[in-house]
PDB file of N, CA and C in Angstrom:
ATOM      1  N   MET A   1     112.163  89.282  50.768  1.00  0.00           N
ATOM      2  CA  MET A   1     112.483  90.617  50.345  1.00  0.00           C
ATOM      3  C   MET A   1     113.059  91.392  51.535  1.00  0.00           C
ATOM      4  N   THR A   2     114.135  92.085  51.305  1.00  0.00           N
ATOM      5  CA  THR A   2     114.790  92.868  52.344  1.00  0.00           C
ATOM      6  C   THR A   2     114.201  94.266  52.384  1.00  0.00           C
ATOM      7  N   HIS A   3     113.856  94.710  53.587  1.00  0.00           N
ATOM      8  CA  HIS A   3     113.335  96.065  53.761  1.00  0.00           C
ATOM      9  C   HIS A   3     114.499  96.968  54.184  1.00  0.00           C
ATOM     10  N   ILE A   4     114.798  97.976  53.382  1.00  0.00           N
ATOM     11  CA  ILE A   4     115.832  98.930  53.716  1.00  0.00           C
ATOM     12  C   ILE A   4     115.220 100.022  54.578  1.00  0.00           C
ATOM     13  N   ARG A   5     115.781 100.220  55.769  1.00  0.00           N
ATOM     14  CA  ARG A   5     115.257 101.220  56.702  1.00  0.00           C
ATOM     15  C   ARG A   5     115.703 102.623  56.278  1.00  0.00           C
ATOM     16  N   THR A   6     114.802 103.577  56.480  1.00  0.00           N
ATOM     17  CA  THR A   6     115.140 104.966  56.208  1.00  0.00           C
ATOM     18  C   THR A   6     115.978 105.516  57.363  1.00  0.00           C
ATOM     19  N   ASP A   7     116.593 106.657  57.162  1.00  0.00           N
ATOM     20  CA  ASP A   7     117.363 107.287  58.242  1.00  0.00           C
ATOM     21  C   ASP A   7     116.463 107.598  59.440  1.00  0.00           C
ATOM     22  N   ILE A   8     115.238 107.989  59.190  1.00  0.00           N
ATOM     23  CA  ILE A   8     114.295 108.285  60.267  1.00  0.00           C
ATOM     24  C   ILE A   8     113.974 107.018  61.047  1.00  0.00           C
ATOM     25  N   GLU A   9     113.728 105.909  60.349  1.00  0.00           N
ATOM     26  CA  GLU A   9     113.446 104.634  61.021  1.00  0.00           C
ATOM     27  C   GLU A   9     114.655 104.167  61.838  1.00  0.00           C
ATOM     28  N   ILE A  10     115.840 104.316  61.267  1.00  0.00           N
ATOM     29  CA  ILE A  10     117.058 103.914  62.000  1.00  0.00           C
ATOM     30  C   ILE A  10     117.211 104.750  63.264  1.00  0.00           C
ATOM     31  N   GLU A  11     116.915 106.024  63.178  1.00  0.00           N
ATOM     32  CA  GLU A  11     117.009 106.891  64.355  1.00  0.00           C
ATOM     33  C   GLU A  11     116.006 106.451  65.439  1.00  0.00           C
ATOM     34  N   LYS A  12     114.822 106.035  65.051  1.00  0.00           N
ATOM     35  CA  LYS A  12     113.814 105.575  66.023  1.00  0.00           C
ATOM     36  C   LYS A  12     114.269 104.257  66.673  1.00  0.00           C
ATOM     37  N   ILE A  13     114.866 103.376  65.888  1.00  0.00           N
ATOM     38  CA  ILE A  13     115.397 102.137  66.440  1.00  0.00           C
ATOM     39  C   ILE A  13     116.535 102.440  67.418  1.00  0.00           C
ATOM     40  N   ARG A  14     117.412 103.380  67.034  1.00  0.00           N
ATOM     41  CA  ARG A  14     118.526 103.776  67.896  1.00  0.00           C
ATOM     42  C   ARG A  14     118.006 104.349  69.201  1.00  0.00           C
ATOM     43  N   LYS A  15     117.021 105.231  69.116  1.00  0.00           N
ATOM     44  CA  LYS A  15     116.437 105.868  70.310  1.00  0.00           C
ATOM     45  C   LYS A  15     115.826 104.818  71.235  1.00  0.00           C
ATOM     46  N   SER A  16     115.106 103.864  70.672  1.00  0.00           N
ATOM     47  CA  SER A  16     114.491 102.803  71.461  1.00  0.00           C
ATOM     48  C   SER A  16     115.563 101.904  72.091  1.00  0.00           C
ATOM     49  N   SER A  17     116.595 101.612  71.338  1.00  0.00           N
ATOM     50  CA  SER A  17     117.673 100.760  71.849  1.00  0.00           C
ATOM     51  C   SER A  17     118.452 101.456  72.972  1.00  0.00           C
ATOM     52  N   LEU A  18     118.695 102.748  72.825  1.00  0.00           N
ATOM     53  CA  LEU A  18     119.362 103.488  73.888  1.00  0.00           C
ATOM     54  C   LEU A  18     118.527 103.484  75.165  1.00  0.00           C
ATOM     55  N   LEU A  19     117.210 103.559  75.023  1.00  0.00           N
ATOM     56  CA  LEU A  19     116.355 103.504  76.203  1.00  0.00           C
ATOM     57  C   LEU A  19     116.444 102.154  76.897  1.00  0.00           C
ATOM     58  N   VAL A  20     116.622 101.094  76.152  1.00  0.00           N
ATOM     59  CA  VAL A  20     116.811  99.777  76.769  1.00  0.00           C
ATOM     60  C   VAL A  20     118.029  99.815  77.695  1.00  0.00           C
ATOM     61  N   GLY A  21     119.137 100.341  77.185  1.00  0.00           N
ATOM     62  CA  GLY A  21     120.349 100.423  78.002  1.00  0.00           C
ATOM     63  C   GLY A  21     120.160 101.294  79.228  1.00  0.00           C
ATOM     64  N   LYS A  22     119.488 102.411  79.072  1.00  0.00           N
ATOM     65  CA  LYS A  22     119.233 103.295  80.204  1.00  0.00           C
ATOM     66  C   LYS A  22     118.307 102.639  81.228  1.00  0.00           C
ATOM     67  N   THR A  23     117.340 101.867  80.739  1.00  0.00           N
ATOM     68  CA  THR A  23     116.421 101.170  81.642  1.00  0.00           C
ATOM     69  C   THR A  23     117.167 100.130  82.456  1.00  0.00           C
ATOM     70  N   ILE A  24     118.011  99.359  81.810  1.00  0.00           N
ATOM     71  CA  ILE A  24     118.786  98.332  82.527  1.00  0.00           C
ATOM     72  C   ILE A  24     119.700  98.996  83.563  1.00  0.00           C
ATOM     73  N   ALA A  25     120.302 100.126  83.206  1.00  0.00           N
ATOM     74  CA  ALA A  25     121.141 100.853  84.154  1.00  0.00           C
ATOM     75  C   ALA A  25     120.319 101.336  85.343  1.00  0.00           C
ATOM     76  N   GLU A  26     119.103 101.822  85.100  1.00  0.00           N
ATOM     77  CA  GLU A  26     118.231 102.277  86.183  1.00  0.00           C
ATOM     78  C   GLU A  26     117.867 101.098  87.096  1.00  0.00           C
ATOM     79  N   VAL A  27     117.525  99.982  86.517  1.00  0.00           N
ATOM     80  CA  VAL A  27     117.185  98.804  87.319  1.00  0.00           C
ATOM     81  C   VAL A  27     118.417  98.356  88.126  1.00  0.00           C
ATOM     82  N   ALA A  28     119.591  98.394  87.522  1.00  0.00           N
ATOM     83  CA  ALA A  28     120.817  97.970  88.197  1.00  0.00           C
ATOM     84  C   ALA A  28     121.087  98.831  89.448  1.00  0.00           C
ATOM     85  N   ARG A  29     120.710 100.093  89.382  1.00  0.00           N
ATOM     86  CA  ARG A  29     120.894 100.978  90.552  1.00  0.00           C
ATOM     87  C   ARG A  29     120.096 100.489  91.771  1.00  0.00           C
ATOM     88  N   HIS A  30     119.038  99.721  91.518  1.00  0.00           N
ATOM     89  CA  HIS A  30     118.151  99.274  92.603  1.00  0.00           C
ATOM     90  C   HIS A  30     118.431  97.829  93.041  1.00  0.00           C
ATOM     91  N   LEU A  31     119.360  97.153  92.363  1.00  0.00           N
ATOM     92  CA  LEU A  31     119.672  95.776  92.753  1.00  0.00           C
ATOM     93  C   LEU A  31     120.302  95.744  94.140  1.00  0.00           C
ATOM     94  N   ARG A  32     119.711  94.960  94.998  1.00  0.00           N
ATOM     95  CA  ARG A  32     120.229  94.814  96.363  1.00  0.00           C
ATOM     96  C   ARG A  32     119.555  93.604  96.986  1.00  0.00           C
ATOM     97  N   PRO A  33     120.187  93.019  97.984  1.00  0.00           N
ATOM     98  CA  PRO A  33     119.515  91.924  98.674  1.00  0.00           C
ATOM     99  C   PRO A  33     118.193  92.398  99.262  1.00  0.00           C
ATOM    100  N   GLY A  34     117.161  91.565  99.138  1.00  0.00           N
ATOM    101  CA  GLY A  34     115.861  91.860  99.707  1.00  0.00           C
ATOM    102  C   GLY A  34     114.863  92.439  98.721  1.00  0.00           C
ATOM    103  N   ILE A  35     115.312  93.012  97.612  1.00  0.00           N
ATOM    104  CA  ILE A  35     114.364  93.528  96.636  1.00  0.00           C
ATOM    105  C   ILE A  35     113.788  92.355  95.845  1.00  0.00           C
ATOM    106  N   THR A  36     112.528  92.447  95.503  1.00  0.00           N
ATOM    107  CA  THR A  36     111.916  91.367  94.721  1.00  0.00           C
ATOM    108  C   THR A  36     112.056  91.672  93.242  1.00  0.00           C
ATOM    109  N   THR A  37     111.976  90.616  92.442  1.00  0.00           N
ATOM    110  CA  THR A  37     112.083  90.806  91.005  1.00  0.00           C
ATOM    111  C   THR A  37     110.880  91.573  90.457  1.00  0.00           C
ATOM    112  N   ILE A  38     109.716  91.467  91.092  1.00  0.00           N
ATOM    113  CA  ILE A  38     108.550  92.221  90.629  1.00  0.00           C
ATOM    114  C   ILE A  38     108.721  93.715  90.929  1.00  0.00           C
ATOM    115  N   GLU A  39     109.414  94.051  92.028  1.00  0.00           N
ATOM    116  CA  GLU A  39     109.714  95.461  92.299  1.00  0.00           C
ATOM    117  C   GLU A  39     110.624  96.019  91.200  1.00  0.00           C
ATOM    118  N   LEU A  40     111.618  95.261  90.796  1.00  0.00           N
ATOM    119  CA  LEU A  40     112.506  95.694  89.709  1.00  0.00           C
ATOM    120  C   LEU A  40     111.716  95.873  88.426  1.00  0.00           C
ATOM    121  N   ASP A  41     110.763  94.995  88.184  1.00  0.00           N
ATOM    122  CA  ASP A  41     109.930  95.080  86.995  1.00  0.00           C
ATOM    123  C   ASP A  41     109.114  96.371  87.006  1.00  0.00           C
ATOM    124  N   ARG A  42     108.561  96.718  88.148  1.00  0.00           N
ATOM    125  CA  ARG A  42     107.770  97.969  88.264  1.00  0.00           C
ATOM    126  C   ARG A  42     108.642  99.206  88.031  1.00  0.00           C
ATOM    127  N   ILE A  43     109.855  99.163  88.548  1.00  0.00           N
ATOM    128  CA  ILE A  43     110.785 100.269  88.341  1.00  0.00           C
ATOM    129  C   ILE A  43     111.044 100.435  86.846  1.00  0.00           C
ATOM    130  N   ALA A  44     111.271  99.327  86.166  1.00  0.00           N
ATOM    131  CA  ALA A  44     111.545  99.375  84.728  1.00  0.00           C
ATOM    132  C   ALA A  44     110.353  99.913  83.950  1.00  0.00           C
ATOM    133  N   GLU A  45     109.163  99.422  84.262  1.00  0.00           N
ATOM    134  CA  GLU A  45     107.981  99.874  83.513  1.00  0.00           C
ATOM    135  C   GLU A  45     107.748 101.367  83.701  1.00  0.00           C
ATOM    136  N   THR A  46     107.884 101.845  84.924  1.00  0.00           N
ATOM    137  CA  THR A  46     107.713 103.271  85.188  1.00  0.00           C
ATOM    138  C   THR A  46     108.750 104.084  84.412  1.00  0.00           C
ATOM    139  N   PHE A  47     109.983 103.654  84.451  1.00  0.00           N
ATOM    140  CA  PHE A  47     111.068 104.359  83.761  1.00  0.00           C
ATOM    141  C   PHE A  47     110.811 104.416  82.253  1.00  0.00           C
ATOM    142  N   ILE A  48     110.410 103.295  81.681  1.00  0.00           N
ATOM    143  CA  ILE A  48     110.148 103.234  80.243  1.00  0.00           C
ATOM    144  C   ILE A  48     109.000 104.174  79.867  1.00  0.00           C
ATOM    145  N   ARG A  49     107.910 104.083  80.599  1.00  0.00           N
ATOM    146  CA  ARG A  49     106.746 104.924  80.288  1.00  0.00           C
ATOM    147  C   ARG A  49     107.036 106.405  80.526  1.00  0.00           C
ATOM    148  N   ASP A  50     107.838 106.710  81.547  1.00  0.00           N
ATOM    149  CA  ASP A  50     108.218 108.104  81.809  1.00  0.00           C
ATOM    150  C   ASP A  50     109.059 108.686  80.668  1.00  0.00           C
ATOM    151  N   HIS A  51     109.638 107.823  79.868  1.00  0.00           N
ATOM    152  CA  HIS A  51     110.456 108.255  78.739  1.00  0.00           C
ATOM    153  C   HIS A  51     109.705 108.148  77.399  1.00  0.00           C
ATOM    154  N   GLY A  52     108.381 108.061  77.484  1.00  0.00           N
ATOM    155  CA  GLY A  52     107.557 108.116  76.283  1.00  0.00           C
ATOM    156  C   GLY A  52     107.525 106.852  75.454  1.00  0.00           C
ATOM    157  N   ALA A  53     107.872 105.746  76.052  1.00  0.00           N
ATOM    158  CA  ALA A  53     107.880 104.457  75.344  1.00  0.00           C
ATOM    159  C   ALA A  53     106.953 103.486  76.056  1.00  0.00           C
ATOM    160  N   ARG A  54     106.868 102.293  75.499  1.00  0.00           N
ATOM    161  CA  ARG A  54     106.125 101.237  76.178  1.00  0.00           C
ATOM    162  C   ARG A  54     107.012  99.998  76.253  1.00  0.00           C
ATOM    163  N   PRO A  55     106.791  99.161  77.263  1.00  0.00           N
ATOM    164  CA  PRO A  55     107.568  97.915  77.378  1.00  0.00           C
ATOM    165  C   PRO A  55     107.244  96.981  76.205  1.00  0.00           C
ATOM    166  N   ALA A  56     108.262  96.473  75.557  1.00  0.00           N
ATOM    167  CA  ALA A  56     108.057  95.612  74.390  1.00  0.00           C
ATOM    168  C   ALA A  56     107.574  94.207  74.760  1.00  0.00           C
ATOM    169  N   PHE A  57     107.990  93.715  75.915  1.00  0.00           N
ATOM    170  CA  PHE A  57     107.662  92.343  76.285  1.00  0.00           C
ATOM    171  C   PHE A  57     106.254  92.206  76.862  1.00  0.00           C
ATOM    172  N   LYS A  58     105.828  93.232  77.607  1.00  0.00           N
ATOM    173  CA  LYS A  58     104.574  93.136  78.348  1.00  0.00           C
ATOM    174  C   LYS A  58     103.405  92.955  77.381  1.00  0.00           C
ATOM    175  N   GLY A  59     102.689  91.845  77.556  1.00  0.00           N
ATOM    176  CA  GLY A  59     101.538  91.549  76.709  1.00  0.00           C
ATOM    177  C   GLY A  59     101.874  90.756  75.454  1.00  0.00           C
ATOM    178  N   TYR A  60     103.157  90.616  75.144  1.00  0.00           N
ATOM    179  CA  TYR A  60     103.539  89.854  73.951  1.00  0.00           C
ATOM    180  C   TYR A  60     103.242  88.372  74.193  1.00  0.00           C
ATOM    181  N   ASN A  61     102.347  87.823  73.387  1.00  0.00           N
ATOM    182  CA  ASN A  61     101.909  86.429  73.572  1.00  0.00           C
ATOM    183  C   ASN A  61     101.504  86.139  75.020  1.00  0.00           C
ATOM    184  N   GLY A  62     100.936  87.137  75.677  1.00  0.00           N
ATOM    185  CA  GLY A  62     100.468  86.967  77.048  1.00  0.00           C
ATOM    186  C   GLY A  62     101.508  87.138  78.123  1.00  0.00           C
ATOM    187  N   TYR A  63     102.737  87.541  77.750  1.00  0.00           N
ATOM    188  CA  TYR A  63     103.784  87.710  78.767  1.00  0.00           C
ATOM    189  C   TYR A  63     103.355  88.804  79.749  1.00  0.00           C
ATOM    190  N   PRO A  64     103.444  88.523  81.057  1.00  0.00           N
ATOM    191  CA  PRO A  64     102.842  89.423  82.040  1.00  0.00           C
ATOM    192  C   PRO A  64     103.738  90.554  82.547  1.00  0.00           C
ATOM    193  N   ALA A  65     104.958  90.651  82.087  1.00  0.00           N
ATOM    194  CA  ALA A  65     105.897  91.581  82.718  1.00  0.00           C
ATOM    195  C   ALA A  65     106.645  92.446  81.715  1.00  0.00           C
ATOM    196  N   THR A  66     107.317  93.449  82.252  1.00  0.00           N
ATOM    197  CA  THR A  66     108.135  94.359  81.451  1.00  0.00           C
ATOM    198  C   THR A  66     109.504  93.746  81.182  1.00  0.00           C
ATOM    199  N   LEU A  67     110.056  93.060  82.154  1.00  0.00           N
ATOM    200  CA  LEU A  67     111.389  92.471  82.044  1.00  0.00           C
ATOM    201  C   LEU A  67     111.327  90.949  82.070  1.00  0.00           C
ATOM    202  N   CYS A  68     112.389  90.344  81.593  1.00  0.00           N
ATOM    203  CA  CYS A  68     112.687  88.941  81.890  1.00  0.00           C
ATOM    204  C   CYS A  68     113.825  89.012  82.900  1.00  0.00           C
ATOM    205  N   ILE A  69     113.636  88.439  84.072  1.00  0.00           N
ATOM    206  CA  ILE A  69     114.669  88.455  85.107  1.00  0.00           C
ATOM    207  C   ILE A  69     114.967  87.009  85.495  1.00  0.00           C
ATOM    208  N   SER A  70     116.181  86.593  85.218  1.00  0.00           N
ATOM    209  CA  SER A  70     116.599  85.224  85.507  1.00  0.00           C
ATOM    210  C   SER A  70     117.574  85.254  86.671  1.00  0.00           C
ATOM    211  N   VAL A  71     117.300  84.451  87.688  1.00  0.00           N
ATOM    212  CA  VAL A  71     118.130  84.409  88.883  1.00  0.00           C
ATOM    213  C   VAL A  71     118.745  83.022  89.015  1.00  0.00           C
ATOM    214  N   ASN A  72     120.060  83.013  89.169  1.00  0.00           N
ATOM    215  CA  ASN A  72     120.838  81.799  89.390  1.00  0.00           C
ATOM    216  C   ASN A  72     120.628  80.751  88.286  1.00  0.00           C
ATOM    217  N   GLU A  73     119.971  79.627  88.605  1.00  0.00           N
ATOM    218  CA  GLU A  73     119.889  78.509  87.650  1.00  0.00           C
ATOM    219  C   GLU A  73     118.885  78.746  86.525  1.00  0.00           C
ATOM    220  N   VAL A  74     118.075  79.773  86.609  1.00  0.00           N
ATOM    221  CA  VAL A  74     117.136  80.081  85.516  1.00  0.00           C
ATOM    222  C   VAL A  74     117.955  80.664  84.387  1.00  0.00           C
ATOM    223  N   VAL A  75     117.928  80.000  83.237  1.00  0.00           N
ATOM    224  CA  VAL A  75     118.819  80.388  82.142  1.00  0.00           C
ATOM    225  C   VAL A  75     118.331  81.650  81.445  1.00  0.00           C
ATOM    226  N   VAL A  76     117.102  81.654  80.964  1.00  0.00           N
ATOM    227  CA  VAL A  76     116.562  82.833  80.286  1.00  0.00           C
ATOM    228  C   VAL A  76     115.061  82.930  80.561  1.00  0.00           C
ATOM    229  N   HIS A  77     114.526  84.108  80.328  1.00  0.00           N
ATOM    230  CA  HIS A  77     113.082  84.370  80.333  1.00  0.00           C
ATOM    231  C   HIS A  77     112.414  84.110  81.665  1.00  0.00           C
ATOM    232  N   GLY A  78     113.117  84.388  82.755  1.00  0.00           N
ATOM    233  CA  GLY A  78     112.511  84.289  84.073  1.00  0.00           C
ATOM    234  C   GLY A  78     111.433  85.347  84.229  1.00  0.00           C
ATOM    235  N   ILE A  79     110.293  84.973  84.778  1.00  0.00           N
ATOM    236  CA  ILE A  79     109.179  85.900  84.963  1.00  0.00           C
ATOM    237  C   ILE A  79     109.295  86.541  86.345  1.00  0.00           C
ATOM    238  N   PRO A  80     109.294  87.878  86.424  1.00  0.00           N
ATOM    239  CA  PRO A  80     109.389  88.536  87.725  1.00  0.00           C
ATOM    240  C   PRO A  80     108.245  88.129  88.650  1.00  0.00           C
ATOM    241  N   GLY A  81     108.577  88.036  89.919  1.00  0.00           N
ATOM    242  CA  GLY A  81     107.587  87.655  90.912  1.00  0.00           C
ATOM    243  C   GLY A  81     108.032  88.106  92.292  1.00  0.00           C
ATOM    244  N   ASN A  82     107.637  87.347  93.303  1.00  0.00           N
ATOM    245  CA  ASN A  82     107.912  87.715  94.695  1.00  0.00           C
ATOM    246  C   ASN A  82     109.263  87.229  95.193  1.00  0.00           C
ATOM    247  N   GLN A  83     110.075  86.663  94.327  1.00  0.00           N
ATOM    248  CA  GLN A  83     111.391  86.177  94.735  1.00  0.00           C
ATOM    249  C   GLN A  83     112.256  87.341  95.184  1.00  0.00           C
ATOM    250  N   GLU A  84     112.767  87.252  96.417  1.00  0.00           N
ATOM    251  CA  GLU A  84     113.677  88.270  96.928  1.00  0.00           C
ATOM    252  C   GLU A  84     115.100  87.883  96.536  1.00  0.00           C
ATOM    253  N   LEU A  85     115.845  88.872  96.083  1.00  0.00           N
ATOM    254  CA  LEU A  85     117.236  88.624  95.745  1.00  0.00           C
ATOM    255  C   LEU A  85     118.050  88.502  97.017  1.00  0.00           C
ATOM    256  N   LYS A  86     119.069  87.638  96.940  1.00  0.00           N
ATOM    257  CA  LYS A  86     119.967  87.432  98.062  1.00  0.00           C
ATOM    258  C   LYS A  86     121.375  87.836  97.647  1.00  0.00           C
ATOM    259  N   ASP A  87     122.185  88.185  98.609  1.00  0.00           N
ATOM    260  CA  ASP A  87     123.576  88.527  98.349  1.00  0.00           C
ATOM    261  C   ASP A  87     124.243  87.352  97.620  1.00  0.00           C
ATOM    262  N   GLY A  88     124.901  87.613  96.529  1.00  0.00           N
ATOM    263  CA  GLY A  88     125.590  86.572  95.766  1.00  0.00           C
ATOM    264  C   GLY A  88     124.772  85.983  94.626  1.00  0.00           C
ATOM    265  N   ASP A  89     123.494  86.324  94.528  1.00  0.00           N
ATOM    266  CA  ASP A  89     122.685  85.827  93.404  1.00  0.00           C
ATOM    267  C   ASP A  89     123.249  86.323  92.080  1.00  0.00           C
ATOM    268  N   MET A  90     123.178  85.459  91.085  1.00  0.00           N
ATOM    269  CA  MET A  90     123.510  85.831  89.712  1.00  0.00           C
ATOM    270  C   MET A  90     122.201  86.273  89.074  1.00  0.00           C
ATOM    271  N   VAL A  91     122.149  87.506  88.562  1.00  0.00           N
ATOM    272  CA  VAL A  91     120.913  88.058  88.027  1.00  0.00           C
ATOM    273  C   VAL A  91     121.140  88.490  86.581  1.00  0.00           C
ATOM    274  N   SER A  92     120.264  88.021  85.704  1.00  0.00           N
ATOM    275  CA  SER A  92     120.276  88.431  84.299  1.00  0.00           C
ATOM    276  C   SER A  92     118.974  89.168  84.011  1.00  0.00           C
ATOM    277  N   ILE A  93     119.093  90.322  83.354  1.00  0.00           N
ATOM    278  CA  ILE A  93     117.900  91.125  83.056  1.00  0.00           C
ATOM    279  C   ILE A  93     117.841  91.371  81.555  1.00  0.00           C
ATOM    280  N   ASP A  94     116.682  91.086  80.983  1.00  0.00           N
ATOM    281  CA  ASP A  94     116.443  91.332  79.568  1.00  0.00           C
ATOM    282  C   ASP A  94     115.300  92.325  79.469  1.00  0.00           C
ATOM    283  N   CYS A  95     115.426  93.260  78.537  1.00  0.00           N
ATOM    284  CA  CYS A  95     114.468  94.355  78.426  1.00  0.00           C
ATOM    285  C   CYS A  95     114.269  94.699  76.963  1.00  0.00           C
ATOM    286  N   GLY A  96     113.091  95.179  76.635  1.00  0.00           N
ATOM    287  CA  GLY A  96     112.810  95.700  75.303  1.00  0.00           C
ATOM    288  C   GLY A  96     111.867  96.863  75.411  1.00  0.00           C
ATOM    289  N   THR A  97     112.007  97.822  74.490  1.00  0.00           N
ATOM    290  CA  THR A  97     111.134  98.981  74.482  1.00  0.00           C
ATOM    291  C   THR A  97     110.599  99.211  73.062  1.00  0.00           C
ATOM    292  N   VAL A  98     109.514  99.957  72.986  1.00  0.00           N
ATOM    293  CA  VAL A  98     108.933 100.348  71.707  1.00  0.00           C
ATOM    294  C   VAL A  98     108.715 101.858  71.738  1.00  0.00           C
ATOM    295  N   ILE A  99     109.271 102.532  70.759  1.00  0.00           N
ATOM    296  CA  ILE A  99     109.048 103.962  70.570  1.00  0.00           C
ATOM    297  C   ILE A  99     108.570 104.167  69.137  1.00  0.00           C
ATOM    298  N   ASP A 100     107.411 104.776  68.990  1.00  0.00           N
ATOM    299  CA  ASP A 100     106.848 105.043  67.654  1.00  0.00           C
ATOM    300  C   ASP A 100     106.811 103.789  66.770  1.00  0.00           C
ATOM    301  N   GLY A 101     106.553 102.646  67.394  1.00  0.00           N
ATOM    302  CA  GLY A 101     106.430 101.405  66.626  1.00  0.00           C
ATOM    303  C   GLY A 101     107.748 100.711  66.347  1.00  0.00           C
ATOM    304  N   PHE A 102     108.858 101.230  66.843  1.00  0.00           N
ATOM    305  CA  PHE A 102     110.165 100.643  66.584  1.00  0.00           C
ATOM    306  C   PHE A 102     110.761 100.075  67.876  1.00  0.00           C
ATOM    307  N   TYR A 103     111.275  98.853  67.763  1.00  0.00           N
ATOM    308  CA  TYR A 103     111.736  98.086  68.909  1.00  0.00           C
ATOM    309  C   TYR A 103     113.227  98.290  69.177  1.00  0.00           C
ATOM    310  N   GLY A 104     113.515  98.345  70.466  1.00  0.00           N
ATOM    311  CA  GLY A 104     114.911  98.354  70.915  1.00  0.00           C
ATOM    312  C   GLY A 104     115.100  97.225  71.887  1.00  0.00           C
TER     313      GLY A 104
END
């Protein structure tokens, strides 16, 4: 059965999705050699919570972080840790937020 979203629900999904984009932009401002992926994760969590949302990934099936950060050969779902970024690293960041029960 297909659930048709109301205009209010669509607006909440839109708001949550826009916050994802803003969070990734905020994290991107801090990307530099020497920063650790866990530092980027903390920046993201603070930013999300400061905007009245919660991180969608953190705690999902035991996932320990706000972001998935994949560096170089890690394809997807890299877990943030003490890895320091180096000049030339390829970095992929995945983020999700929840506002009023709706995911972005």
